[in-house]
Structures are given as C-alpha cells and as structure tokens.
Amino acid sequence: MIIEMQFEENKYKAMFHLGFLEKASWFSPALEYLYHIADLLIKKLSRQSDIEFSGIVCRVPD
C-alpha cells in the first residue's frame, strides 16, 4: 500500500499528504484516526492568513 510506504519513509510528509486525501471506505480505524488529525492540520493551515510570514509555527486546537 502506498500510504504505508510513505509513512515508513517520512511520517510527517505522509501525514501532510494524508490531509489532502478524501476519506476512503478502506481506511482502517488507525488510518482513519490519523486522517482526522491530518485533516484538522490542513484546515488550520489553510485558515492561517499570515502563513507565509509565520514559518512552520502552527497551533492546532484540541
């Protein structure tokens, strides 16, 4: 599976990529959980108006 290979190679990059995917019915419960976290991150980053000036600092609420 491609997603597993991505996580083995670079877990942070894989999480970022996962956040841009559509939720699929074949996601395992663990992958669905990770998808939820990644989706929250992408939503938070996309709503940060000064992202180009703030660097990599991003606060994601609980």
N, C-alpha and C. Protein backbone atom coordinates (compact mmCIF):
# COMPACT_ATOMS: atom_id res chain seq x y z
N MET A 1 0.84 -1.17 0.00
CA MET A 1 0.00 0.00 0.00
C MET A 1 0.89 1.25 0.00
N ILE A 2 0.53 2.19 -0.79
CA ILE A 2 1.34 3.40 -0.97
C ILE A 2 1.42 4.22 0.32
N ILE A 3 0.32 4.35 1.03
CA ILE A 3 0.32 5.17 2.25
C ILE A 3 1.27 4.58 3.29
N GLU A 4 1.27 3.27 3.44
CA GLU A 4 2.19 2.63 4.38
C GLU A 4 3.64 2.93 4.03
N MET A 5 3.95 2.87 2.75
CA MET A 5 5.32 3.16 2.30
C MET A 5 5.69 4.60 2.60
N GLN A 6 4.75 5.51 2.43
CA GLN A 6 5.01 6.92 2.71
C GLN A 6 5.29 7.13 4.20
N PHE A 7 4.53 6.45 5.06
CA PHE A 7 4.75 6.59 6.49
C PHE A 7 6.09 6.01 6.91
N GLU A 8 6.50 4.93 6.26
CA GLU A 8 7.81 4.35 6.58
C GLU A 8 8.94 5.27 6.15
N GLU A 9 8.74 5.96 5.04
CA GLU A 9 9.79 6.85 4.51
C GLU A 9 9.89 8.14 5.31
N ASN A 10 8.74 8.80 5.54
CA ASN A 10 8.73 10.09 6.25
C ASN A 10 7.34 10.30 6.83
N LYS A 11 7.19 10.07 8.12
CA LYS A 11 5.87 10.12 8.74
C LYS A 11 5.24 11.50 8.71
N TYR A 12 6.03 12.54 8.78
CA TYR A 12 5.48 13.89 8.75
C TYR A 12 4.97 14.25 7.36
N LYS A 13 5.73 13.92 6.37
CA LYS A 13 5.31 14.17 4.99
C LYS A 13 4.06 13.35 4.65
N ALA A 14 4.01 12.12 5.14
CA ALA A 14 2.85 11.27 4.90
C ALA A 14 1.60 11.83 5.56
N MET A 15 1.74 12.33 6.77
CA MET A 15 0.59 12.94 7.46
C MET A 15 0.10 14.16 6.70
N PHE A 16 1.01 14.98 6.21
CA PHE A 16 0.64 16.16 5.44
C PHE A 16 -0.11 15.74 4.19
N HIS A 17 0.41 14.75 3.48
CA HIS A 17 -0.23 14.25 2.26
C HIS A 17 -1.60 13.66 2.57
N LEU A 18 -1.71 12.93 3.65
CA LEU A 18 -2.97 12.31 4.05
C LEU A 18 -4.06 13.35 4.26
N GLY A 19 -3.70 14.50 4.75
CA GLY A 19 -4.67 15.56 4.99
C GLY A 19 -5.33 16.09 3.74
N PHE A 20 -4.73 15.89 2.58
CA PHE A 20 -5.30 16.34 1.32
C PHE A 20 -6.13 15.28 0.61
N LEU A 21 -6.12 14.07 1.14
CA LEU A 21 -6.90 12.99 0.53
C LEU A 21 -8.35 13.04 0.97
N GLU A 22 -9.20 12.42 0.19
CA GLU A 22 -10.59 12.23 0.58
C GLU A 22 -10.65 10.99 1.47
N LYS A 23 -11.50 11.03 2.46
CA LYS A 23 -11.67 9.87 3.34
C LYS A 23 -12.22 8.71 2.52
N ALA A 24 -11.58 7.56 2.64
CA ALA A 24 -11.96 6.39 1.86
C ALA A 24 -12.55 5.31 2.76
N SER A 25 -13.40 4.50 2.19
CA SER A 25 -14.06 3.44 2.96
C SER A 25 -13.09 2.33 3.38
N TRP A 26 -11.96 2.22 2.68
CA TRP A 26 -11.00 1.16 3.00
C TRP A 26 -10.03 1.55 4.12
N PHE A 27 -10.10 2.78 4.62
CA PHE A 27 -9.22 3.20 5.70
C PHE A 27 -9.47 2.31 6.93
N SER A 28 -8.40 1.85 7.52
CA SER A 28 -8.50 1.11 8.78
C SER A 28 -8.86 2.10 9.88
N PRO A 29 -9.30 1.62 11.03
CA PRO A 29 -9.59 2.56 12.13
C PRO A 29 -8.38 3.42 12.51
N ALA A 30 -7.19 2.84 12.49
CA ALA A 30 -5.98 3.61 12.82
C ALA A 30 -5.71 4.68 11.76
N LEU A 31 -5.86 4.32 10.49
CA LEU A 31 -5.62 5.28 9.42
C LEU A 31 -6.70 6.36 9.42
N GLU A 32 -7.91 5.98 9.76
CA GLU A 32 -8.99 6.97 9.86
C GLU A 32 -8.70 7.98 10.97
N TYR A 33 -8.15 7.52 12.07
CA TYR A 33 -7.76 8.41 13.17
C TYR A 33 -6.67 9.37 12.71
N LEU A 34 -5.65 8.85 12.03
CA LEU A 34 -4.58 9.70 11.52
C LEU A 34 -5.11 10.67 10.48
N TYR A 35 -6.05 10.20 9.67
CA TYR A 35 -6.66 11.08 8.66
C TYR A 35 -7.36 12.26 9.34
N HIS A 36 -8.06 11.98 10.42
CA HIS A 36 -8.77 13.04 11.14
C HIS A 36 -7.79 14.11 11.64
N ILE A 37 -6.68 13.67 12.20
CA ILE A 37 -5.65 14.61 12.68
C ILE A 37 -5.07 15.41 11.51
N ALA A 38 -4.73 14.73 10.44
CA ALA A 38 -4.15 15.39 9.27
C ALA A 38 -5.14 16.38 8.66
N ASP A 39 -6.41 16.01 8.62
CA ASP A 39 -7.44 16.90 8.07
C ASP A 39 -7.54 18.17 8.91
N LEU A 40 -7.50 18.03 10.23
CA LEU A 40 -7.53 19.20 11.10
C LEU A 40 -6.34 20.12 10.85
N LEU A 41 -5.18 19.52 10.67
CA LEU A 41 -3.97 20.31 10.40
C LEU A 41 -4.11 21.11 9.10
N ILE A 42 -4.56 20.46 8.05
CA ILE A 42 -4.71 21.15 6.76
C ILE A 42 -5.74 22.26 6.87
N LYS A 43 -6.84 22.01 7.55
CA LYS A 43 -7.85 23.06 7.73
C LYS A 43 -7.28 24.24 8.50
N LYS A 44 -6.54 23.95 9.56
CA LYS A 44 -5.93 25.02 10.36
C LYS A 44 -4.92 25.83 9.53
N LEU A 45 -4.08 25.13 8.79
CA LEU A 45 -3.08 25.82 7.97
C LEU A 45 -3.74 26.67 6.88
N SER A 46 -4.79 26.16 6.28
CA SER A 46 -5.44 26.90 5.19
C SER A 46 -6.17 28.14 5.68
N ARG A 47 -6.48 28.19 6.96
CA ARG A 47 -7.18 29.36 7.52
C ARG A 47 -6.23 30.37 8.16
N GLN A 48 -4.96 30.06 8.15
CA GLN A 48 -3.96 30.96 8.75
C GLN A 48 -3.55 31.98 7.70
N SER A 49 -4.02 33.21 7.86
CA SER A 49 -3.83 34.22 6.82
C SER A 49 -2.37 34.64 6.62
N ASP A 50 -1.56 34.59 7.66
CA ASP A 50 -0.17 35.04 7.54
C ASP A 50 0.81 33.87 7.52
N ILE A 51 0.43 32.77 6.92
CA ILE A 51 1.25 31.56 6.96
C ILE A 51 2.63 31.76 6.32
N GLU A 52 2.69 32.57 5.30
CA GLU A 52 3.99 32.77 4.64
C GLU A 52 4.96 33.55 5.52
N PHE A 53 4.45 34.27 6.51
CA PHE A 53 5.31 35.04 7.40
C PHE A 53 5.57 34.33 8.73
N SER A 54 4.71 33.40 9.08
CA SER A 54 4.84 32.76 10.38
C SER A 54 5.73 31.54 10.38
N GLY A 55 6.21 31.11 9.25
CA GLY A 55 7.09 29.94 9.18
C GLY A 55 6.33 28.66 9.43
N ILE A 56 6.90 27.78 10.22
CA ILE A 56 6.26 26.48 10.44
C ILE A 56 5.47 26.41 11.74
N VAL A 57 5.34 27.52 12.44
CA VAL A 57 4.61 27.53 13.71
C VAL A 57 3.11 27.53 13.42
N CYS A 58 2.43 26.54 13.94
CA CYS A 58 1.00 26.44 13.76
C CYS A 58 0.42 25.78 15.00
N ARG A 59 -0.59 26.39 15.58
CA ARG A 59 -1.24 25.82 16.75
C ARG A 59 -2.56 25.18 16.33
N VAL A 60 -2.69 23.92 16.60
CA VAL A 60 -3.91 23.20 16.29
C VAL A 60 -4.64 22.95 17.60
N PRO A 61 -5.88 23.43 17.71
CA PRO A 61 -6.61 23.25 18.96
C PRO A 61 -6.94 21.78 19.20
N ASP A 62 -7.13 21.45 20.47
CA ASP A 62 -7.52 20.08 20.84
C ASP A 62 -8.93 19.76 20.41
